[in-house]
Amino acid sequence: MPTPHISAQPGEIAPLLLMPGDPRRAARIAETFLTDAKLVSEVRGNGCFTGTYQGTPMSVMASGMGIPTLSIYATELYRDYGVQRICRVGTCGGISSKVKVRDVVIGSSAHTNSPVATIDAPGLTLSLAASFDMLRAAVDAARSADDLAGASVHVGPVYSSDLFYSGRADIIQALDRLGTLGVEMEAAGLYKCALEHDREALTVLTVSDHLKDGSGDMSPEERETRFGSALAIAAAGLLA
């Protein structure tokens, strides 16, 4: 303590942690969603905040973009700070025609083109999936919610890509045919870290744009502010 990327002291980070991608979004979550949140770490401009949610200690810290960066933070949080559960809460691009912009996707599993699924078990592809108790609690919360701001909630696989820009439209077509709901860049890495450290993880995403239908994409401002429904579902998963 501290680690190369987190400066918090022992006990300053809660066992339950929300993990958006953007440090600014983490600060906004701390300010608007947690109670009495305090900054406990700030290395390389990435703040970690700890407060409470419904009386339970909870922290929030950004992952940055992509599996490599997320894996650094998740590993240090699980291994060095005793974090038990991490819920990624971020955005994704819609793949399936079943999902619409502003809907919520709960990632039950994560396909990936990253070596993270194969590097530890040559000849095999690991099944990277959410923790069951967290998944069940999040789905239950979503199904019983009175107000989701007009959004629908979908449960299923997502695709964690190592490439933000790719010309391989055939991959997206195949994933769509196989029921993949959306594309993002971190869930598979989080699920792998949770398996590696015998911890728990979940991903809850807001659909910010759609690969088939470019109309009605969320603005940058909406991406920063319209995450209330996903946050409530994510918190339910953490509290399971």
C-alpha atoms as a PDB file:
ATOM      1  CA  MET A   1       0.000   0.000   0.000  1.00  0.00           C
ATOM      2  CA  PRO A   2      -0.337   2.151  -1.945  1.00  0.00           C
ATOM      3  CA  THR A   3      -0.060   0.457  -5.349  1.00  0.00           C
ATOM      4  CA  PRO A   4       1.526   2.015  -8.436  1.00  0.00           C
ATOM      5  CA  HIS A   5      -1.879   3.213  -9.635  1.00  0.00           C
ATOM      6  CA  ILE A   6      -3.947   3.723  -6.455  1.00  0.00           C
ATOM      7  CA  SER A   7      -2.848   5.890  -3.524  1.00  0.00           C
ATOM      8  CA  ALA A   8      -5.602   5.052  -1.010  1.00  0.00           C
ATOM      9  CA  GLN A   9      -4.673   3.793   2.433  1.00  0.00           C
ATOM     10  CA  PRO A  10      -5.889   0.420   3.773  1.00  0.00           C
ATOM     11  CA  GLY A  11      -9.606   0.495   4.541  1.00  0.00           C
ATOM     12  CA  GLU A  12     -10.320   3.611   2.480  1.00  0.00           C
ATOM     13  CA  ILE A  13     -11.844   1.700  -0.444  1.00  0.00           C
ATOM     14  CA  ALA A  14     -15.125  -0.124   0.183  1.00  0.00           C
ATOM     15  CA  PRO A  15     -15.626  -3.832  -0.644  1.00  0.00           C
ATOM     16  CA  LEU A  16     -18.293  -2.796  -3.187  1.00  0.00           C
ATOM     17  CA  LEU A  17     -17.194  -0.642  -6.122  1.00  0.00           C
ATOM     18  CA  LEU A  18     -18.856   0.976  -9.121  1.00  0.00           C
ATOM     19  CA  MET A  19     -16.563   1.280 -12.142  1.00  0.00           C
ATOM     20  CA  PRO A  20     -17.448   3.612 -15.030  1.00  0.00           C
ATOM     21  CA  GLY A  21     -14.953   4.160 -17.806  1.00  0.00           C
ATOM     22  CA  ASP A  22     -14.528   7.928 -17.546  1.00  0.00           C
ATOM     23  CA  PRO A  23     -12.926   9.587 -14.484  1.00  0.00           C
ATOM     24  CA  ARG A  24     -15.338  12.519 -14.887  1.00  0.00           C
ATOM     25  CA  ARG A  25     -18.253  10.120 -14.722  1.00  0.00           C
ATOM     26  CA  ALA A  26     -16.799   8.582 -11.564  1.00  0.00           C
ATOM     27  CA  ALA A  27     -16.669  12.019  -9.954  1.00  0.00           C
ATOM     28  CA  ARG A  28     -20.248  12.716 -11.010  1.00  0.00           C
ATOM     29  CA  ILE A  29     -21.437   9.394  -9.562  1.00  0.00           C
ATOM     30  CA  ALA A  30     -19.672  10.189  -6.290  1.00  0.00           C
ATOM     31  CA  GLU A  31     -21.324  13.596  -6.169  1.00  0.00           C
ATOM     32  CA  THR A  32     -24.863  12.640  -7.163  1.00  0.00           C
ATOM     33  CA  PHE A  33     -25.304   8.973  -6.262  1.00  0.00           C
ATOM     34  CA  LEU A  34     -23.238   8.312  -3.141  1.00  0.00           C
ATOM     35  CA  THR A  35     -23.687   9.955   0.251  1.00  0.00           C
ATOM     36  CA  ASP A  36     -20.777  11.817   1.908  1.00  0.00           C
ATOM     37  CA  ALA A  37     -18.318  10.650  -0.745  1.00  0.00           C
ATOM     38  CA  LYS A  38     -14.671  11.541  -0.183  1.00  0.00           C
ATOM     39  CA  LEU A  39     -11.711  11.409  -2.538  1.00  0.00           C
ATOM     40  CA  VAL A  40      -9.378   8.657  -1.276  1.00  0.00           C
ATOM     41  CA  SER A  41      -7.032   8.272  -4.250  1.00  0.00           C
ATOM     42  CA  GLU A  42      -5.985  10.333  -7.248  1.00  0.00           C
ATOM     43  CA  VAL A  43      -3.182   8.971  -9.379  1.00  0.00           C
ATOM     44  CA  ARG A  44      -2.774  10.064 -13.011  1.00  0.00           C
ATOM     45  CA  GLY A  45      -5.973  12.077 -12.733  1.00  0.00           C
ATOM     46  CA  ASN A  46      -8.126   9.049 -11.909  1.00  0.00           C
ATOM     47  CA  GLY A  47      -9.950   9.652  -8.639  1.00  0.00           C
ATOM     48  CA  CYS A  48     -11.372   6.993  -6.355  1.00  0.00           C
ATOM     49  CA  PHE A  49     -14.217   8.118  -4.084  1.00  0.00           C
ATOM     50  CA  THR A  50     -15.755   6.346  -1.098  1.00  0.00           C
ATOM     51  CA  GLY A  51     -19.121   7.114   0.479  1.00  0.00           C
ATOM     52  CA  THR A  52     -22.276   5.168   1.215  1.00  0.00           C
ATOM     53  CA  TYR A  53     -25.318   4.027  -0.739  1.00  0.00           C
ATOM     54  CA  GLN A  54     -28.444   3.259   1.286  1.00  0.00           C
ATOM     55  CA  GLY A  55     -26.214   3.127   4.350  1.00  0.00           C
ATOM     56  CA  THR A  56     -23.716   0.638   2.878  1.00  0.00           C
ATOM     57  CA  PRO A  57     -20.111   1.683   2.159  1.00  0.00           C
ATOM     58  CA  MET A  58     -19.491   1.909  -1.587  1.00  0.00           C
ATOM     59  CA  SER A  59     -16.694   3.286  -3.738  1.00  0.00           C
ATOM     60  CA  VAL A  60     -16.455   4.457  -7.328  1.00  0.00           C
ATOM     61  CA  MET A  61     -13.393   4.539  -9.560  1.00  0.00           C
ATOM     62  CA  ALA A  62     -12.974   4.729 -13.337  1.00  0.00           C
ATOM     63  CA  SER A  63     -11.436   1.946 -15.393  1.00  0.00           C
ATOM     64  CA  GLY A  64     -10.164   3.985 -18.318  1.00  0.00           C
ATOM     65  CA  MET A  65     -10.627   2.638 -21.844  1.00  0.00           C
ATOM     66  CA  GLY A  66      -9.942  -0.950 -22.852  1.00  0.00           C
ATOM     67  CA  ILE A  67      -9.179  -4.268 -21.209  1.00  0.00           C
ATOM     68  CA  PRO A  68      -5.483  -3.584 -20.415  1.00  0.00           C
ATOM     69  CA  THR A  69      -6.228  -0.433 -18.403  1.00  0.00           C
ATOM     70  CA  LEU A  70      -9.254  -1.906 -16.646  1.00  0.00           C
ATOM     71  CA  SER A  71      -7.256  -5.009 -15.744  1.00  0.00           C
ATOM     72  CA  ILE A  72      -4.633  -2.928 -13.954  1.00  0.00           C
ATOM     73  CA  TYR A  73      -7.195  -1.190 -11.741  1.00  0.00           C
ATOM     74  CA  ALA A  74      -9.368  -4.266 -11.155  1.00  0.00           C
ATOM     75  CA  THR A  75      -6.361  -6.390 -10.229  1.00  0.00           C
ATOM     76  CA  GLU A  76      -5.063  -3.875  -7.688  1.00  0.00           C
ATOM     77  CA  LEU A  77      -8.552  -3.330  -6.233  1.00  0.00           C
ATOM     78  CA  TYR A  78      -9.240  -7.046  -5.845  1.00  0.00           C
ATOM     79  CA  ARG A  79      -5.729  -8.110  -4.828  1.00  0.00           C
ATOM     80  CA  ASP A  80      -4.445  -5.211  -2.758  1.00  0.00           C
ATOM     81  CA  TYR A  81      -7.521  -3.415  -1.419  1.00  0.00           C
ATOM     82  CA  GLY A  82      -9.836  -6.322  -0.613  1.00  0.00           C
ATOM     83  CA  VAL A  83     -12.598  -5.244  -2.997  1.00  0.00           C
ATOM     84  CA  GLN A  84     -15.094  -8.100  -3.272  1.00  0.00           C
ATOM     85  CA  ARG A  85     -17.454  -6.914  -5.986  1.00  0.00           C
ATOM     86  CA  ILE A  86     -16.980  -4.574  -8.945  1.00  0.00           C
ATOM     87  CA  CYS A  87     -19.798  -3.499 -11.224  1.00  0.00           C
ATOM     88  CA  ARG A  88     -18.805  -1.853 -14.478  1.00  0.00           C
ATOM     89  CA  VAL A  89     -21.378   0.801 -15.331  1.00  0.00           C
ATOM     90  CA  GLY A  90     -20.835   2.419 -18.685  1.00  0.00           C
ATOM     91  CA  THR A  91     -22.067   2.679 -22.255  1.00  0.00           C
ATOM     92  CA  CYS A  92     -22.181   0.385 -25.255  1.00  0.00           C
ATOM     93  CA  GLY A  93     -23.036   0.470 -28.919  1.00  0.00           C
ATOM     94  CA  GLY A  94     -26.149  -1.492 -29.791  1.00  0.00           C
ATOM     95  CA  ILE A  95     -25.729  -4.559 -32.006  1.00  0.00           C
ATOM     96  CA  SER A  96     -29.072  -6.340 -31.744  1.00  0.00           C
ATOM     97  CA  SER A  97     -32.171  -4.804 -33.269  1.00  0.00           C
ATOM     98  CA  LYS A  98     -33.880  -5.706 -29.990  1.00  0.00           C
ATOM     99  CA  VAL A  99     -32.058  -2.913 -28.174  1.00  0.00           C
ATOM    100  CA  LYS A 100     -32.607   0.798 -28.662  1.00  0.00           C
ATOM    101  CA  VAL A 101     -30.539   3.839 -27.784  1.00  0.00           C
ATOM    102  CA  ARG A 102     -31.000   4.696 -24.078  1.00  0.00           C
ATOM    103  CA  ASP A 103     -31.961   1.107 -23.170  1.00  0.00           C
ATOM    104  CA  VAL A 104     -30.044  -0.722 -20.430  1.00  0.00           C
ATOM    105  CA  VAL A 105     -28.053  -3.902 -21.118  1.00  0.00           C
ATOM    106  CA  ILE A 106     -27.020  -6.267 -18.320  1.00  0.00           C
ATOM    107  CA  GLY A 107     -24.061  -8.279 -19.598  1.00  0.00           C
ATOM    108  CA  SER A 108     -24.513 -11.903 -18.551  1.00  0.00           C
ATOM    109  CA  SER A 109     -21.321 -12.822 -20.424  1.00  0.00           C
ATOM    110  CA  ALA A 110     -18.717 -11.214 -22.665  1.00  0.00           C
ATOM    111  CA  HIS A 111     -17.364 -12.421 -25.993  1.00  0.00           C
ATOM    112  CA  THR A 112     -14.024 -10.900 -26.920  1.00  0.00           C
ATOM    113  CA  ASN A 113     -11.281 -10.759 -29.537  1.00  0.00           C
ATOM    114  CA  SER A 114      -8.789 -10.060 -26.746  1.00  0.00           C
ATOM    115  CA  PRO A 115      -6.116 -12.609 -25.765  1.00  0.00           C
ATOM    116  CA  VAL A 116      -7.476 -12.302 -22.219  1.00  0.00           C
ATOM    117  CA  ALA A 117      -9.823 -15.205 -23.052  1.00  0.00           C
ATOM    118  CA  THR A 118      -7.067 -17.542 -24.233  1.00  0.00           C
ATOM    119  CA  ILE A 119      -3.685 -16.548 -22.812  1.00  0.00           C
ATOM    120  CA  ASP A 120      -3.921 -18.511 -19.538  1.00  0.00           C
ATOM    121  CA  ALA A 121      -5.289 -21.707 -21.071  1.00  0.00           C
ATOM    122  CA  PRO A 122      -3.644 -22.391 -24.458  1.00  0.00           C
ATOM    123  CA  GLY A 123      -5.962 -24.223 -26.807  1.00  0.00           C
ATOM    124  CA  LEU A 124      -9.035 -23.111 -24.889  1.00  0.00           C
ATOM    125  CA  THR A 125     -11.267 -20.060 -24.866  1.00  0.00           C
ATOM    126  CA  LEU A 126     -12.394 -19.155 -21.354  1.00  0.00           C
ATOM    127  CA  SER A 127     -16.075 -18.528 -20.701  1.00  0.00           C
ATOM    128  CA  LEU A 128     -16.106 -15.003 -19.252  1.00  0.00           C
ATOM    129  CA  ALA A 129     -19.353 -14.392 -17.417  1.00  0.00           C
ATOM    130  CA  ALA A 130     -20.932 -12.275 -14.708  1.00  0.00           C
ATOM    131  CA  SER A 131     -21.182 -13.500 -11.115  1.00  0.00           C
ATOM    132  CA  PHE A 132     -24.524 -15.193 -10.619  1.00  0.00           C
ATOM    133  CA  ASP A 133     -25.649 -13.533  -7.379  1.00  0.00           C
ATOM    134  CA  MET A 134     -24.895 -10.065  -8.745  1.00  0.00           C
ATOM    135  CA  LEU A 135     -26.568 -10.859 -12.055  1.00  0.00           C
ATOM    136  CA  ARG A 136     -29.691 -12.227 -10.407  1.00  0.00           C
ATOM    137  CA  ALA A 137     -30.048  -9.235  -8.078  1.00  0.00           C
ATOM    138  CA  ALA A 138     -29.575  -6.765 -10.920  1.00  0.00           C
ATOM    139  CA  VAL A 139     -32.145  -8.515 -13.102  1.00  0.00           C
ATOM    140  CA  ASP A 140     -34.619  -8.691 -10.212  1.00  0.00           C
ATOM    141  CA  ALA A 141     -34.141  -4.973  -9.541  1.00  0.00           C
ATOM    142  CA  ALA A 142     -34.637  -4.114 -13.197  1.00  0.00           C
ATOM    143  CA  ARG A 143     -37.810  -6.167 -13.485  1.00  0.00           C
ATOM    144  CA  SER A 144     -39.335  -4.655 -10.363  1.00  0.00           C
ATOM    145  CA  ALA A 145     -38.363  -1.042 -11.109  1.00  0.00           C
ATOM    146  CA  ASP A 146     -41.249   1.400 -11.357  1.00  0.00           C
ATOM    147  CA  ASP A 147     -39.443   4.033 -13.418  1.00  0.00           C
ATOM    148  CA  LEU A 148     -36.655   3.391 -15.915  1.00  0.00           C
ATOM    149  CA  ALA A 149     -37.098   6.724 -17.711  1.00  0.00           C
ATOM    150  CA  GLY A 150     -38.722   4.977 -20.648  1.00  0.00           C
ATOM    151  CA  ALA A 151     -35.845   2.541 -21.178  1.00  0.00           C
ATOM    152  CA  SER A 152     -36.138  -1.198 -21.629  1.00  0.00           C
ATOM    153  CA  VAL A 153     -33.739  -3.598 -19.922  1.00  0.00           C
ATOM    154  CA  HIS A 154     -32.101  -6.482 -21.793  1.00  0.00           C
ATOM    155  CA  VAL A 155     -30.042  -9.368 -20.398  1.00  0.00           C
ATOM    156  CA  GLY A 156     -27.531 -11.269 -22.510  1.00  0.00           C
ATOM    157  CA  PRO A 157     -24.016 -11.397 -23.944  1.00  0.00           C
ATOM    158  CA  VAL A 158     -21.987  -8.356 -24.945  1.00  0.00           C
ATOM    159  CA  TYR A 159     -18.884  -8.093 -27.104  1.00  0.00           C
ATOM    160  CA  SER A 160     -15.692  -6.637 -25.609  1.00  0.00           C
ATOM    161  CA  SER A 161     -13.563  -5.474 -28.531  1.00  0.00           C
ATOM    162  CA  ASP A 162      -9.902  -4.547 -28.416  1.00  0.00           C
ATOM    163  CA  LEU A 163     -10.547  -2.229 -31.370  1.00  0.00           C
ATOM    164  CA  PHE A 164     -12.754   0.842 -31.277  1.00  0.00           C
ATOM    165  CA  TYR A 165     -12.404   1.336 -35.031  1.00  0.00           C
ATOM    166  CA  SER A 166     -12.668  -1.830 -37.104  1.00  0.00           C
ATOM    167  CA  GLY A 167     -13.638  -2.553 -40.696  1.00  0.00           C
ATOM    168  CA  ARG A 168     -14.803  -6.084 -39.901  1.00  0.00           C
ATOM    169  CA  ALA A 169     -18.537  -5.667 -40.375  1.00  0.00           C
ATOM    170  CA  ASP A 170     -18.824  -9.445 -40.809  1.00  0.00           C
ATOM    171  CA  ILE A 171     -17.907  -9.945 -37.134  1.00  0.00           C
ATOM    172  CA  ILE A 172     -20.747  -7.716 -35.999  1.00  0.00           C
ATOM    173  CA  GLN A 173     -23.155  -9.543 -38.306  1.00  0.00           C
ATOM    174  CA  ALA A 174     -22.133 -12.900 -36.834  1.00  0.00           C
ATOM    175  CA  LEU A 175     -22.404 -11.626 -33.272  1.00  0.00           C
ATOM    176  CA  ASP A 176     -25.850 -10.213 -34.000  1.00  0.00           C
ATOM    177  CA  ARG A 177     -26.963 -13.565 -35.383  1.00  0.00           C
ATOM    178  CA  LEU A 178     -25.748 -15.194 -32.157  1.00  0.00           C
ATOM    179  CA  GLY A 179     -27.772 -12.868 -29.933  1.00  0.00           C
ATOM    180  CA  THR A 180     -25.088 -10.398 -28.837  1.00  0.00           C
ATOM    181  CA  LEU A 181     -26.715  -7.240 -27.503  1.00  0.00           C
ATOM    182  CA  GLY A 182     -23.994  -4.616 -27.698  1.00  0.00           C
ATOM    183  CA  VAL A 183     -20.299  -3.814 -28.087  1.00  0.00           C
ATOM    184  CA  GLU A 184     -17.973  -2.172 -25.564  1.00  0.00           C
ATOM    185  CA  MET A 185     -14.326  -2.575 -24.539  1.00  0.00           C
ATOM    186  CA  GLU A 186     -13.989  -3.699 -20.904  1.00  0.00           C
ATOM    187  CA  ALA A 187     -16.454  -6.327 -19.610  1.00  0.00           C
ATOM    188  CA  ALA A 188     -14.436  -9.390 -20.615  1.00  0.00           C
ATOM    189  CA  GLY A 189     -11.376  -8.046 -18.815  1.00  0.00           C
ATOM    190  CA  LEU A 190     -13.363  -7.411 -15.652  1.00  0.00           C
ATOM    191  CA  TYR A 191     -14.896 -10.890 -15.690  1.00  0.00           C
ATOM    192  CA  LYS A 192     -11.444 -12.420 -16.203  1.00  0.00           C
ATOM    193  CA  CYS A 193      -9.968 -10.471 -13.268  1.00  0.00           C
ATOM    194  CA  ALA A 194     -12.832 -11.564 -11.040  1.00  0.00           C
ATOM    195  CA  LEU A 195     -12.220 -15.220 -11.928  1.00  0.00           C
ATOM    196  CA  GLU A 196      -8.487 -14.858 -11.381  1.00  0.00           C
ATOM    197  CA  HIS A 197      -8.898 -13.380  -7.887  1.00  0.00           C
ATOM    198  CA  ASP A 198     -11.970 -15.377  -6.796  1.00  0.00           C
ATOM    199  CA  ARG A 199     -14.079 -12.224  -6.636  1.00  0.00           C
ATOM    200  CA  GLU A 200     -17.352 -11.102  -8.232  1.00  0.00           C
ATOM    201  CA  ALA A 201     -18.170  -8.837 -11.159  1.00  0.00           C
ATOM    202  CA  LEU A 202     -21.042  -7.542 -13.272  1.00  0.00           C
ATOM    203  CA  THR A 203     -21.523  -5.157 -16.189  1.00  0.00           C
ATOM    204  CA  VAL A 204     -24.515  -2.819 -16.608  1.00  0.00           C
ATOM    205  CA  LEU A 205     -24.515  -0.609 -19.696  1.00  0.00           C
ATOM    206  CA  THR A 206     -26.582   2.155 -21.241  1.00  0.00           C
ATOM    207  CA  VAL A 207     -26.917   1.946 -25.029  1.00  0.00           C
ATOM    208  CA  SER A 208     -25.440   5.234 -26.232  1.00  0.00           C
ATOM    209  CA  ASP A 209     -25.524   4.579 -29.992  1.00  0.00           C
ATOM    210  CA  HIS A 210     -26.457   1.813 -32.404  1.00  0.00           C
ATOM    211  CA  LEU A 211     -24.332   0.155 -35.078  1.00  0.00           C
ATOM    212  CA  LYS A 212     -27.342  -0.427 -37.340  1.00  0.00           C
ATOM    213  CA  ASP A 213     -29.293   2.754 -36.746  1.00  0.00           C
ATOM    214  CA  GLY A 214     -27.360   5.997 -36.323  1.00  0.00           C
ATOM    215  CA  SER A 215     -30.394   8.134 -35.586  1.00  0.00           C
ATOM    216  CA  GLY A 216     -31.013   9.319 -32.065  1.00  0.00           C
ATOM    217  CA  ASP A 217     -27.515   8.678 -30.682  1.00  0.00           C
ATOM    218  CA  MET A 218     -26.878  10.091 -27.233  1.00  0.00           C
ATOM    219  CA  SER A 219     -24.955  13.360 -27.092  1.00  0.00           C
ATOM    220  CA  PRO A 220     -21.726  13.632 -25.073  1.00  0.00           C
ATOM    221  CA  GLU A 221     -23.714  15.490 -22.408  1.00  0.00           C
ATOM    222  CA  GLU A 222     -26.291  12.699 -22.206  1.00  0.00           C
ATOM    223  CA  ARG A 223     -23.532  10.125 -21.874  1.00  0.00           C
ATOM    224  CA  GLU A 224     -22.343  12.018 -18.798  1.00  0.00           C
ATOM    225  CA  THR A 225     -25.728  12.488 -17.161  1.00  0.00           C
ATOM    226  CA  ARG A 226     -28.180   9.821 -18.301  1.00  0.00           C
ATOM    227  CA  PHE A 227     -27.089   6.842 -16.250  1.00  0.00           C
ATOM    228  CA  GLY A 228     -29.534   6.870 -13.330  1.00  0.00           C
ATOM    229  CA  SER A 229     -31.389   3.700 -14.297  1.00  0.00           C
ATOM    230  CA  ALA A 230     -28.202   1.746 -14.967  1.00  0.00           C
ATOM    231  CA  LEU A 231     -26.675   2.983 -11.692  1.00  0.00           C
ATOM    232  CA  ALA A 232     -29.636   1.828  -9.616  1.00  0.00           C
ATOM    233  CA  ILE A 233     -29.506  -1.610 -11.265  1.00  0.00           C
ATOM    234  CA  ALA A 234     -25.738  -1.801 -10.794  1.00  0.00           C
ATOM    235  CA  ALA A 235     -26.017  -0.881  -7.127  1.00  0.00           C
ATOM    236  CA  ALA A 236     -28.605  -3.624  -6.629  1.00  0.00           C
ATOM    237  CA  GLY A 237     -26.083  -6.081  -8.070  1.00  0.00           C
ATOM    238  CA  LEU A 238     -23.392  -4.872  -5.687  1.00  0.00           C
ATOM    239  CA  LEU A 239     -25.726  -5.163  -2.695  1.00  0.00           C
ATOM    240  CA  ALA A 240     -26.834  -8.725  -3.533  1.00  0.00           C
END
